[in-house]
Each structure stands twice: as structure tokens, then as C-alpha cells.
PDB file of all heavy atoms in Angstrom:
ATOM      1  N   LEU A   1       0.802  -1.222   0.000  1.00  0.00           N
ATOM      2  CA  LEU A   1       0.000   0.000   0.000  1.00  0.00           C
ATOM      3  C   LEU A   1       0.841   1.282   0.000  1.00  0.00           C
ATOM      4  O   LEU A   1       0.278   2.379   0.027  1.00  0.00           O
ATOM      5  CB  LEU A   1      -0.927   0.015   1.228  1.00  0.00           C
ATOM      6  CG  LEU A   1      -1.987  -1.081   1.304  1.00  0.00           C
ATOM      7  CD1 LEU A   1      -2.760  -0.967   2.615  1.00  0.00           C
ATOM      8  CD2 LEU A   1      -2.941  -1.015   0.119  1.00  0.00           C
ATOM      9  N   LYS A   2       2.151   1.163  -0.049  1.00  0.00           N
ATOM     10  CA  LYS A   2       2.995   2.347   0.157  1.00  0.00           C
ATOM     11  C   LYS A   2       2.762   3.449  -0.879  1.00  0.00           C
ATOM     12  O   LYS A   2       3.003   4.620  -0.589  1.00  0.00           O
ATOM     13  CB  LYS A   2       4.470   1.964   0.237  1.00  0.00           C
ATOM     14  CG  LYS A   2       5.042   1.381  -1.027  1.00  0.00           C
ATOM     15  CD  LYS A   2       6.505   0.996  -0.832  1.00  0.00           C
ATOM     16  CE  LYS A   2       7.088   0.455  -2.128  1.00  0.00           C
ATOM     17  NZ  LYS A   2       7.859  -0.745  -1.946  1.00  0.00           N
ATOM     18  N   SER A   3       2.279   3.091  -2.085  1.00  0.00           N
ATOM     19  CA  SER A   3       2.014   4.112  -3.115  1.00  0.00           C
ATOM     20  C   SER A   3       0.526   4.193  -3.474  1.00  0.00           C
ATOM     21  O   SER A   3       0.173   4.771  -4.500  1.00  0.00           O
ATOM     22  CB  SER A   3       2.829   3.802  -4.379  1.00  0.00           C
ATOM     23  OG  SER A   3       4.204   3.787  -4.086  1.00  0.00           O
ATOM     24  N   ILE A   4      -0.343   3.618  -2.638  1.00  0.00           N
ATOM     25  CA  ILE A   4      -1.762   3.529  -3.000  1.00  0.00           C
ATOM     26  C   ILE A   4      -2.398   4.902  -3.184  1.00  0.00           C
ATOM     27  O   ILE A   4      -3.293   5.097  -4.004  1.00  0.00           O
ATOM     28  CB  ILE A   4      -2.553   2.682  -1.965  1.00  0.00           C
ATOM     29  CG1 ILE A   4      -3.926   2.278  -2.514  1.00  0.00           C
ATOM     30  CG2 ILE A   4      -2.702   3.423  -0.631  1.00  0.00           C
ATOM     31  CD1 ILE A   4      -3.877   1.285  -3.629  1.00  0.00           C
ATOM     32  N   ARG A   5      -1.931   5.901  -2.432  1.00  0.00           N
ATOM     33  CA  ARG A   5      -2.539   7.229  -2.520  1.00  0.00           C
ATOM     34  C   ARG A   5      -2.123   7.992  -3.779  1.00  0.00           C
ATOM     35  O   ARG A   5      -2.639   9.069  -4.039  1.00  0.00           O
ATOM     36  CB  ARG A   5      -2.230   8.039  -1.257  1.00  0.00           C
ATOM     37  CG  ARG A   5      -3.031   7.566  -0.039  1.00  0.00           C
ATOM     38  CD  ARG A   5      -4.505   7.622  -0.297  1.00  0.00           C
ATOM     39  NE  ARG A   5      -5.327   7.080   0.791  1.00  0.00           N
ATOM     40  CZ  ARG A   5      -6.625   6.845   0.692  1.00  0.00           C
ATOM     41  NH1 ARG A   5      -7.240   7.072  -0.459  1.00  0.00           N
ATOM     42  NH2 ARG A   5      -7.315   6.368   1.702  1.00  0.00           N
ATOM     43  N   ASP A   6      -1.245   7.402  -4.584  1.00  0.00           N
ATOM     44  CA  ASP A   6      -0.941   7.988  -5.898  1.00  0.00           C
ATOM     45  C   ASP A   6      -2.091   7.748  -6.878  1.00  0.00           C
ATOM     46  O   ASP A   6      -2.228   8.468  -7.864  1.00  0.00           O
ATOM     47  CB  ASP A   6       0.339   7.373  -6.488  1.00  0.00           C
ATOM     48  CG  ASP A   6       1.579   7.736  -5.678  1.00  0.00           C
ATOM     49  OD1 ASP A   6       1.502   8.699  -4.881  1.00  0.00           O
ATOM     50  OD2 ASP A   6       2.606   7.055  -5.845  1.00  0.00           O
ATOM     51  N   SER A   7      -2.924   6.719  -6.584  1.00  0.00           N
ATOM     52  CA  SER A   7      -3.966   6.363  -7.546  1.00  0.00           C
ATOM     53  C   SER A   7      -5.368   6.252  -6.947  1.00  0.00           C
ATOM     54  O   SER A   7      -6.346   6.166  -7.687  1.00  0.00           O
ATOM     55  CB  SER A   7      -3.617   5.017  -8.206  1.00  0.00           C
ATOM     56  OG  SER A   7      -3.490   3.988  -7.235  1.00  0.00           O
ATOM     57  N   VAL A   8      -5.487   6.275  -5.628  1.00  0.00           N
ATOM     58  CA  VAL A   8      -6.788   6.041  -4.981  1.00  0.00           C
ATOM     59  C   VAL A   8      -7.090   7.176  -4.004  1.00  0.00           C
ATOM     60  O   VAL A   8      -6.228   7.564  -3.214  1.00  0.00           O
ATOM     61  CB  VAL A   8      -6.780   4.678  -4.237  1.00  0.00           C
ATOM     62  CG1 VAL A   8      -8.032   4.503  -3.388  1.00  0.00           C
ATOM     63  CG2 VAL A   8      -6.654   3.531  -5.236  1.00  0.00           C
ATOM     64  N   THR A   9      -8.323   7.699  -4.072  1.00  0.00           N
ATOM     65  CA  THR A   9      -8.686   8.841  -3.208  1.00  0.00           C
ATOM     66  C   THR A   9      -9.753   8.510  -2.173  1.00  0.00           C
ATOM     67  O   THR A   9      -9.930   9.262  -1.217  1.00  0.00           O
ATOM     68  CB  THR A   9      -9.214  10.013  -4.058  1.00  0.00           C
ATOM     69  OG1 THR A   9     -10.405   9.592  -4.747  1.00  0.00           O
ATOM     70  CG2 THR A   9      -8.188  10.468  -5.070  1.00  0.00           C
ATOM     71  N   ILE A  10     -10.491   7.413  -2.333  1.00  0.00           N
ATOM     72  CA  ILE A  10     -11.589   7.105  -1.405  1.00  0.00           C
ATOM     73  C   ILE A  10     -11.049   6.604  -0.066  1.00  0.00           C
ATOM     74  O   ILE A  10      -9.887   6.188   0.028  1.00  0.00           O
ATOM     75  CB  ILE A  10     -12.576   6.070  -1.997  1.00  0.00           C
ATOM     76  CG1 ILE A  10     -11.884   4.740  -2.315  1.00  0.00           C
ATOM     77  CG2 ILE A  10     -13.274   6.635  -3.224  1.00  0.00           C
ATOM     78  CD1 ILE A  10     -12.825   3.645  -2.756  1.00  0.00           C
ATOM     79  N   PRO A  11     -11.876   6.649   0.989  1.00  0.00           N
ATOM     80  CA  PRO A  11     -11.420   6.171   2.301  1.00  0.00           C
ATOM     81  C   PRO A  11     -11.037   4.692   2.279  1.00  0.00           C
ATOM     82  O   PRO A  11     -11.729   3.868   1.672  1.00  0.00           O
ATOM     83  CB  PRO A  11     -12.647   6.393   3.204  1.00  0.00           C
ATOM     84  CG  PRO A  11     -13.455   7.432   2.518  1.00  0.00           C
ATOM     85  CD  PRO A  11     -13.241   7.217   1.057  1.00  0.00           C
ATOM     86  N   LEU A  12      -9.953   4.387   2.954  1.00  0.00           N
ATOM     87  CA  LEU A  12      -9.485   3.015   3.114  1.00  0.00           C
ATOM     88  C   LEU A  12      -9.414   2.697   4.601  1.00  0.00           C
ATOM     89  O   LEU A  12      -8.838   3.456   5.378  1.00  0.00           O
ATOM     90  CB  LEU A  12      -8.099   2.836   2.485  1.00  0.00           C
ATOM     91  CG  LEU A  12      -7.982   3.105   0.982  1.00  0.00           C
ATOM     92  CD1 LEU A  12      -6.529   2.976   0.534  1.00  0.00           C
ATOM     93  CD2 LEU A  12      -8.874   2.156   0.186  1.00  0.00           C
ATOM     94  N   VAL A  13     -10.017   1.576   4.962  1.00  0.00           N
ATOM     95  CA  VAL A  13     -10.082   1.143   6.362  1.00  0.00           C
ATOM     96  C   VAL A  13      -9.471  -0.251   6.448  1.00  0.00           C
ATOM     97  O   VAL A  13      -9.735  -1.099   5.596  1.00  0.00           O
ATOM     98  CB  VAL A  13     -11.554   1.101   6.846  1.00  0.00           C
ATOM     99  CG1 VAL A  13     -11.649   0.547   8.257  1.00  0.00           C
ATOM    100  CG2 VAL A  13     -12.185   2.491   6.766  1.00  0.00           C
ATOM    101  N   ILE A  14      -8.659  -0.495   7.454  1.00  0.00           N
ATOM    102  CA  ILE A  14      -8.181  -1.859   7.702  1.00  0.00           C
ATOM    103  C   ILE A  14      -9.082  -2.478   8.757  1.00  0.00           C
ATOM    104  O   ILE A  14      -9.319  -1.894   9.810  1.00  0.00           O
ATOM    105  CB  ILE A  14      -6.711  -1.882   8.163  1.00  0.00           C
ATOM    106  CG1 ILE A  14      -5.795  -1.543   6.985  1.00  0.00           C
ATOM    107  CG2 ILE A  14      -6.341  -3.256   8.736  1.00  0.00           C
ATOM    108  CD1 ILE A  14      -4.311  -1.518   7.333  1.00  0.00           C
ATOM    109  N   MET A  15      -9.601  -3.664   8.440  1.00  0.00           N
ATOM    110  CA  MET A  15     -10.409  -4.407   9.412  1.00  0.00           C
ATOM    111  C   MET A  15      -9.626  -5.643   9.813  1.00  0.00           C
ATOM    112  O   MET A  15      -9.227  -6.448   8.963  1.00  0.00           O
ATOM    113  CB  MET A  15     -11.755  -4.813   8.819  1.00  0.00           C
ATOM    114  CG  MET A  15     -12.652  -5.522   9.820  1.00  0.00           C
ATOM    115  SD  MET A  15     -14.345  -5.703   9.205  1.00  0.00           S
ATOM    116  CE  MET A  15     -15.158  -6.355  10.670  1.00  0.00           C
ATOM    117  N   GLY A  16      -9.378  -5.764  11.107  1.00  0.00           N
ATOM    118  CA  GLY A  16      -8.617  -6.910  11.563  1.00  0.00           C
ATOM    119  C   GLY A  16      -8.786  -7.136  13.050  1.00  0.00           C
ATOM    120  O   GLY A  16      -9.437  -6.342  13.743  1.00  0.00           O
ATOM    121  N   TYR A  17      -8.205  -8.204  13.522  1.00  0.00           N
ATOM    122  CA  TYR A  17      -8.300  -8.551  14.940  1.00  0.00           C
ATOM    123  C   TYR A  17      -7.091  -7.983  15.676  1.00  0.00           C
ATOM    124  O   TYR A  17      -6.070  -7.652  15.084  1.00  0.00           O
ATOM    125  CB  TYR A  17      -8.437 -10.058  15.088  1.00  0.00           C
ATOM    126  CG  TYR A  17      -9.763 -10.528  14.545  1.00  0.00           C
ATOM    127  CD1 TYR A  17      -9.904 -10.817  13.182  1.00  0.00           C
ATOM    128  CD2 TYR A  17     -10.885 -10.613  15.360  1.00  0.00           C
ATOM    129  CE1 TYR A  17     -11.139 -11.201  12.652  1.00  0.00           C
ATOM    130  CE2 TYR A  17     -12.117 -11.001  14.836  1.00  0.00           C
ATOM    131  CZ  TYR A  17     -12.238 -11.290  13.485  1.00  0.00           C
ATOM    132  OH  TYR A  17     -13.445 -11.656  12.971  1.00  0.00           O
ATOM    133  N   PHE A  18      -7.246  -7.841  16.992  1.00  0.00           N
ATOM    134  CA  PHE A  18      -6.275  -7.070  17.762  1.00  0.00           C
ATOM    135  C   PHE A  18      -4.929  -7.779  17.909  1.00  0.00           C
ATOM    136  O   PHE A  18      -3.890  -7.136  18.017  1.00  0.00           O
ATOM    137  CB  PHE A  18      -6.859  -6.726  19.140  1.00  0.00           C
ATOM    138  CG  PHE A  18      -6.103  -5.651  19.854  1.00  0.00           C
ATOM    139  CD1 PHE A  18      -5.786  -4.457  19.222  1.00  0.00           C
ATOM    140  CD2 PHE A  18      -5.696  -5.826  21.172  1.00  0.00           C
ATOM    141  CE1 PHE A  18      -5.079  -3.463  19.881  1.00  0.00           C
ATOM    142  CE2 PHE A  18      -4.997  -4.827  21.846  1.00  0.00           C
ATOM    143  CZ  PHE A  18      -4.688  -3.645  21.195  1.00  0.00           C
ATOM    144  N   ASN A  19      -4.937  -9.115  17.901  1.00  0.00           N
ATOM    145  CA  ASN A  19      -3.702  -9.856  18.144  1.00  0.00           C
ATOM    146  C   ASN A  19      -2.573  -9.502  17.172  1.00  0.00           C
ATOM    147  O   ASN A  19      -1.456  -9.187  17.615  1.00  0.00           O
ATOM    148  CB  ASN A  19      -3.992 -11.366  18.135  1.00  0.00           C
ATOM    149  CG  ASN A  19      -2.817 -12.183  18.626  1.00  0.00           C
ATOM    150  OD1 ASN A  19      -1.888 -12.421  17.866  1.00  0.00           O
ATOM    151  ND2 ASN A  19      -2.843 -12.611  19.879  1.00  0.00           N
ATOM    152  N   PRO A  20      -2.809  -9.507  15.849  1.00  0.00           N
ATOM    153  CA  PRO A  20      -1.722  -9.133  14.921  1.00  0.00           C
ATOM    154  C   PRO A  20      -1.261  -7.679  15.104  1.00  0.00           C
ATOM    155  O   PRO A  20      -0.079  -7.375  14.924  1.00  0.00           O
ATOM    156  CB  PRO A  20      -2.346  -9.334  13.538  1.00  0.00           C
ATOM    157  CG  PRO A  20      -3.502 -10.246  13.750  1.00  0.00           C
ATOM    158  CD  PRO A  20      -4.007  -9.945  15.123  1.00  0.00           C
ATOM    159  N   ILE A  21      -2.192  -6.792  15.477  1.00  0.00           N
ATOM    160  CA  ILE A  21      -1.845  -5.383  15.690  1.00  0.00           C
ATOM    161  C   ILE A  21      -0.968  -5.256  16.935  1.00  0.00           C
ATOM    162  O   ILE A  21       0.023  -4.517  16.948  1.00  0.00           O
ATOM    163  CB  ILE A  21      -3.124  -4.530  15.812  1.00  0.00           C
ATOM    164  CG1 ILE A  21      -3.908  -4.585  14.494  1.00  0.00           C
ATOM    165  CG2 ILE A  21      -2.804  -3.091  16.183  1.00  0.00           C
ATOM    166  CD1 ILE A  21      -5.292  -3.954  14.557  1.00  0.00           C
ATOM    167  N   LEU A  22      -1.329  -6.014  17.971  1.00  0.00           N
ATOM    168  CA  LEU A  22      -0.548  -6.013  19.219  1.00  0.00           C
ATOM    169  C   LEU A  22       0.849  -6.563  18.962  1.00  0.00           C
ATOM    170  O   LEU A  22       1.847  -6.038  19.473  1.00  0.00           O
ATOM    171  CB  LEU A  22      -1.284  -6.854  20.269  1.00  0.00           C
ATOM    172  CG  LEU A  22      -1.006  -6.590  21.748  1.00  0.00           C
ATOM    173  CD1 LEU A  22      -1.259  -5.131  22.113  1.00  0.00           C
ATOM    174  CD2 LEU A  22      -1.872  -7.503  22.618  1.00  0.00           C
ATOM    175  N   GLN A  23       0.928  -7.628  18.163  1.00  0.00           N
ATOM    176  CA  GLN A  23       2.232  -8.216  17.844  1.00  0.00           C
ATOM    177  C   GLN A  23       3.105  -7.242  17.051  1.00  0.00           C
ATOM    178  O   GLN A  23       4.316  -7.165  17.253  1.00  0.00           O
ATOM    179  CB  GLN A  23       2.049  -9.510  17.042  1.00  0.00           C
ATOM    180  CG  GLN A  23       1.531 -10.666  17.872  1.00  0.00           C
ATOM    181  CD  GLN A  23       1.440 -11.958  17.082  1.00  0.00           C
ATOM    182  OE1 GLN A  23       1.349 -11.943  15.857  1.00  0.00           O
ATOM    183  NE2 GLN A  23       1.452 -13.077  17.774  1.00  0.00           N
ATOM    184  N   TYR A  24       2.489  -6.512  16.158  1.00  0.00           N
ATOM    185  CA  TYR A  24       3.205  -5.525  15.337  1.00  0.00           C
ATOM    186  C   TYR A  24       3.657  -4.345  16.199  1.00  0.00           C
ATOM    187  O   TYR A  24       4.682  -3.717  15.936  1.00  0.00           O
ATOM    188  CB  TYR A  24       2.255  -5.042  14.234  1.00  0.00           C
ATOM    189  CG  TYR A  24       2.895  -4.263  13.109  1.00  0.00           C
ATOM    190  CD1 TYR A  24       3.290  -4.900  11.938  1.00  0.00           C
ATOM    191  CD2 TYR A  24       3.073  -2.880  13.192  1.00  0.00           C
ATOM    192  CE1 TYR A  24       3.854  -4.190  10.885  1.00  0.00           C
ATOM    193  CE2 TYR A  24       3.634  -2.156  12.153  1.00  0.00           C
ATOM    194  CZ  TYR A  24       4.022  -2.814  11.001  1.00  0.00           C
ATOM    195  OH  TYR A  24       4.572  -2.097   9.955  1.00  0.00           O
ATOM    196  N   GLY A  25       2.857  -4.082  17.258  1.00  0.00           N
ATOM    197  CA  GLY A  25       3.052  -2.901  18.105  1.00  0.00           C
ATOM    198  C   GLY A  25       1.988  -1.883  17.734  1.00  0.00           C
ATOM    199  O   GLY A  25       1.936  -1.457  16.583  1.00  0.00           O
ATOM    200  N   VAL A  26       1.121  -1.526  18.686  1.00  0.00           N
ATOM    201  CA  VAL A  26      -0.033  -0.684  18.362  1.00  0.00           C
ATOM    202  C   VAL A  26       0.412   0.650  17.760  1.00  0.00           C
ATOM    203  O   VAL A  26      -0.095   1.070  16.714  1.00  0.00           O
ATOM    204  CB  VAL A  26      -0.927  -0.450  19.613  1.00  0.00           C
ATOM    205  CG1 VAL A  26      -2.065   0.510  19.278  1.00  0.00           C
ATOM    206  CG2 VAL A  26      -1.493  -1.778  20.117  1.00  0.00           C
ATOM    207  N   GLU A  27       1.381   1.293  18.382  1.00  0.00           N
ATOM    208  CA  GLU A  27       1.813   2.590  17.851  1.00  0.00           C
ATOM    209  C   GLU A  27       2.496   2.424  16.493  1.00  0.00           C
ATOM    210  O   GLU A  27       2.257   3.211  15.567  1.00  0.00           O
ATOM    211  CB  GLU A  27       2.742   3.313  18.824  1.00  0.00           C
ATOM    212  CG  GLU A  27       3.225   4.648  18.279  1.00  0.00           C
ATOM    213  CD  GLU A  27       3.408   5.729  19.332  1.00  0.00           C
ATOM    214  OE1 GLU A  27       3.337   5.422  20.535  1.00  0.00           O
ATOM    215  OE2 GLU A  27       3.618   6.887  18.932  1.00  0.00           O
ATOM    216  N   ALA A  28       3.316   1.404  16.354  1.00  0.00           N
ATOM    217  CA  ALA A  28       3.994   1.157  15.073  1.00  0.00           C
ATOM    218  C   ALA A  28       2.974   0.872  13.976  1.00  0.00           C
ATOM    219  O   ALA A  28       3.120   1.332  12.834  1.00  0.00           O
ATOM    220  CB  ALA A  28       4.964  -0.017  15.218  1.00  0.00           C
ATOM    221  N   PHE A  29       1.922   0.131  14.328  1.00  0.00           N
ATOM    222  CA  PHE A  29       0.874  -0.190  13.356  1.00  0.00           C
ATOM    223  C   PHE A  29       0.158   1.090  12.918  1.00  0.00           C
ATOM    224  O   PHE A  29      -0.062   1.316  11.728  1.00  0.00           O
ATOM    225  CB  PHE A  29      -0.119  -1.181  13.971  1.00  0.00           C
ATOM    226  CG  PHE A  29      -1.067  -1.791  12.975  1.00  0.00           C
ATOM    227  CD1 PHE A  29      -0.744  -2.979  12.330  1.00  0.00           C
ATOM    228  CD2 PHE A  29      -2.292  -1.192  12.688  1.00  0.00           C
ATOM    229  CE1 PHE A  29      -1.617  -3.547  11.401  1.00  0.00           C
ATOM    230  CE2 PHE A  29      -3.159  -1.756  11.779  1.00  0.00           C
ATOM    231  CZ  PHE A  29      -2.828  -2.941  11.126  1.00  0.00           C
ATOM    232  N   CYS A  30      -0.195   1.920  13.893  1.00  0.00           N
ATOM    233  CA  CYS A  30      -0.893   3.174  13.580  1.00  0.00           C
ATOM    234  C   CYS A  30      -0.013   4.085  12.729  1.00  0.00           C
ATOM    235  O   CYS A  30      -0.491   4.738  11.795  1.00  0.00           O
ATOM    236  CB  CYS A  30      -1.314   3.887  14.870  1.00  0.00           C
ATOM    237  SG  CYS A  30      -2.635   3.034  15.765  1.00  0.00           S
ATOM    238  N   LYS A  31       1.270   4.118  13.036  1.00  0.00           N
ATOM    239  CA  LYS A  31       2.220   4.936  12.265  1.00  0.00           C
ATOM    240  C   LYS A  31       2.300   4.437  10.821  1.00  0.00           C
ATOM    241  O   LYS A  31       2.283   5.232   9.866  1.00  0.00           O
ATOM    242  CB  LYS A  31       3.596   4.887  12.923  1.00  0.00           C
ATOM    243  CG  LYS A  31       4.640   5.805  12.298  1.00  0.00           C
ATOM    244  CD  LYS A  31       5.900   5.838  13.174  1.00  0.00           C
ATOM    245  CE  LYS A  31       6.912   6.862  12.662  1.00  0.00           C
ATOM    246  NZ  LYS A  31       7.580   6.417  11.437  1.00  0.00           N
ATOM    247  N   SER A  32       2.368   3.131  10.643  1.00  0.00           N
ATOM    248  CA  SER A  32       2.406   2.557   9.294  1.00  0.00           C
ATOM    249  C   SER A  32       1.119   2.868   8.535  1.00  0.00           C
ATOM    250  O   SER A  32       1.149   3.143   7.329  1.00  0.00           O
ATOM    251  CB  SER A  32       2.634   1.043   9.359  1.00  0.00           C
ATOM    252  OG  SER A  32       3.922   0.745   9.846  1.00  0.00           O
ATOM    253  N   CYS A  33      -0.009   2.826   9.244  1.00  0.00           N
ATOM    254  CA  CYS A  33      -1.291   3.178   8.621  1.00  0.00           C
ATOM    255  C   CYS A  33      -1.256   4.613   8.095  1.00  0.00           C
ATOM    256  O   CYS A  33      -1.674   4.891   6.965  1.00  0.00           O
ATOM    257  CB  CYS A  33      -2.432   3.034   9.627  1.00  0.00           C
ATOM    258  SG  CYS A  33      -2.949   1.336   9.951  1.00  0.00           S
ATOM    259  N   GLN A  34      -0.772   5.519   8.936  1.00  0.00           N
ATOM    260  CA  GLN A  34      -0.697   6.928   8.529  1.00  0.00           C
ATOM    261  C   GLN A  34       0.226   7.091   7.317  1.00  0.00           C
ATOM    262  O   GLN A  34      -0.094   7.827   6.373  1.00  0.00           O
ATOM    263  CB  GLN A  34      -0.188   7.782   9.683  1.00  0.00           C
ATOM    264  CG  GLN A  34      -0.150   9.276   9.360  1.00  0.00           C
ATOM    265  CD  GLN A  34       0.565  10.072  10.429  1.00  0.00           C
ATOM    266  OE1 GLN A  34       1.710   9.787  10.773  1.00  0.00           O
ATOM    267  NE2 GLN A  34      -0.110  11.072  10.979  1.00  0.00           N
ATOM    268  N   GLU A  35       1.345   6.393   7.322  1.00  0.00           N
ATOM    269  CA  GLU A  35       2.338   6.541   6.243  1.00  0.00           C
ATOM    270  C   GLU A  35       1.786   6.110   4.884  1.00  0.00           C
ATOM    271  O   GLU A  35       2.142   6.702   3.862  1.00  0.00           O
ATOM    272  CB  GLU A  35       3.597   5.744   6.583  1.00  0.00           C
ATOM    273  CG  GLU A  35       4.432   6.391   7.691  1.00  0.00           C
ATOM    274  CD  GLU A  35       5.544   5.507   8.217  1.00  0.00           C
ATOM    275  OE1 GLU A  35       5.602   4.301   7.863  1.00  0.00           O
ATOM    276  OE2 GLU A  35       6.358   6.015   9.015  1.00  0.00           O
ATOM    277  N   VAL A  36       0.922   5.091   4.862  1.00  0.00           N
ATOM    278  CA  VAL A  36       0.389   4.629   3.570  1.00  0.00           C
ATOM    279  C   VAL A  36      -0.959   5.247   3.218  1.00  0.00           C
ATOM    280  O   VAL A  36      -1.461   5.067   2.110  1.00  0.00           O
ATOM    281  CB  VAL A  36       0.289   3.083   3.515  1.00  0.00           C
ATOM    282  CG1 VAL A  36       1.652   2.452   3.738  1.00  0.00           C
ATOM    283  CG2 VAL A  36      -0.737   2.544   4.501  1.00  0.00           C
ATOM    284  N   GLY A  37      -1.576   5.978   4.170  1.00  0.00           N
ATOM    285  CA  GLY A  37      -2.831   6.652   3.858  1.00  0.00           C
ATOM    286  C   GLY A  37      -4.087   5.920   4.274  1.00  0.00           C
ATOM    287  O   GLY A  37      -5.163   6.127   3.695  1.00  0.00           O
ATOM    288  N   ILE A  38      -3.994   5.072   5.294  1.00  0.00           N
ATOM    289  CA  ILE A  38      -5.184   4.425   5.855  1.00  0.00           C
ATOM    290  C   ILE A  38      -5.932   5.449   6.715  1.00  0.00           C
ATOM    291  O   ILE A  38      -5.330   6.222   7.446  1.00  0.00           O
ATOM    292  CB  ILE A  38      -4.786   3.192   6.702  1.00  0.00           C
ATOM    293  CG1 ILE A  38      -4.163   2.108   5.814  1.00  0.00           C
ATOM    294  CG2 ILE A  38      -5.990   2.634   7.475  1.00  0.00           C
ATOM    295  CD1 ILE A  38      -5.080   1.530   4.755  1.00  0.00           C
ATOM    296  N   ASP A  39      -7.262   5.425   6.625  1.00  0.00           N
ATOM    297  CA  ASP A  39      -8.086   6.428   7.314  1.00  0.00           C
ATOM    298  C   ASP A  39      -8.685   5.936   8.626  1.00  0.00           C
ATOM    299  O   ASP A  39      -9.039   6.749   9.485  1.00  0.00           O
ATOM    300  CB  ASP A  39      -9.224   6.868   6.394  1.00  0.00           C
ATOM    301  CG  ASP A  39      -8.697   7.413   5.082  1.00  0.00           C
ATOM    302  OD1 ASP A  39      -8.066   8.473   5.109  1.00  0.00           O
ATOM    303  OD2 ASP A  39      -8.889   6.758   4.038  1.00  0.00           O
TER     304      ASP A  39
END
């Protein structure tokens, strides 16, 4: 998704369960979301 905002303008939402987000690190996950343009 790193270049998705070059071609897509509509809202993008990630739907998932908390365990993978916790494993990734909640703040790190949120930061990655912001970097690729997740809303």
C-alpha cells in the first residue's frame, strides 16, 4: 500500500483482529497506517 494514494482517493479502512496489531506494536501499526494513507 505504500504508493496507493498515488492512484486512490476514497477512504481506506483496515479491518482486523487485535492480536496481529498487538504483535506488530499498536503505535507502530498506527504509524504505518498513517504513512500509507489508511483512514
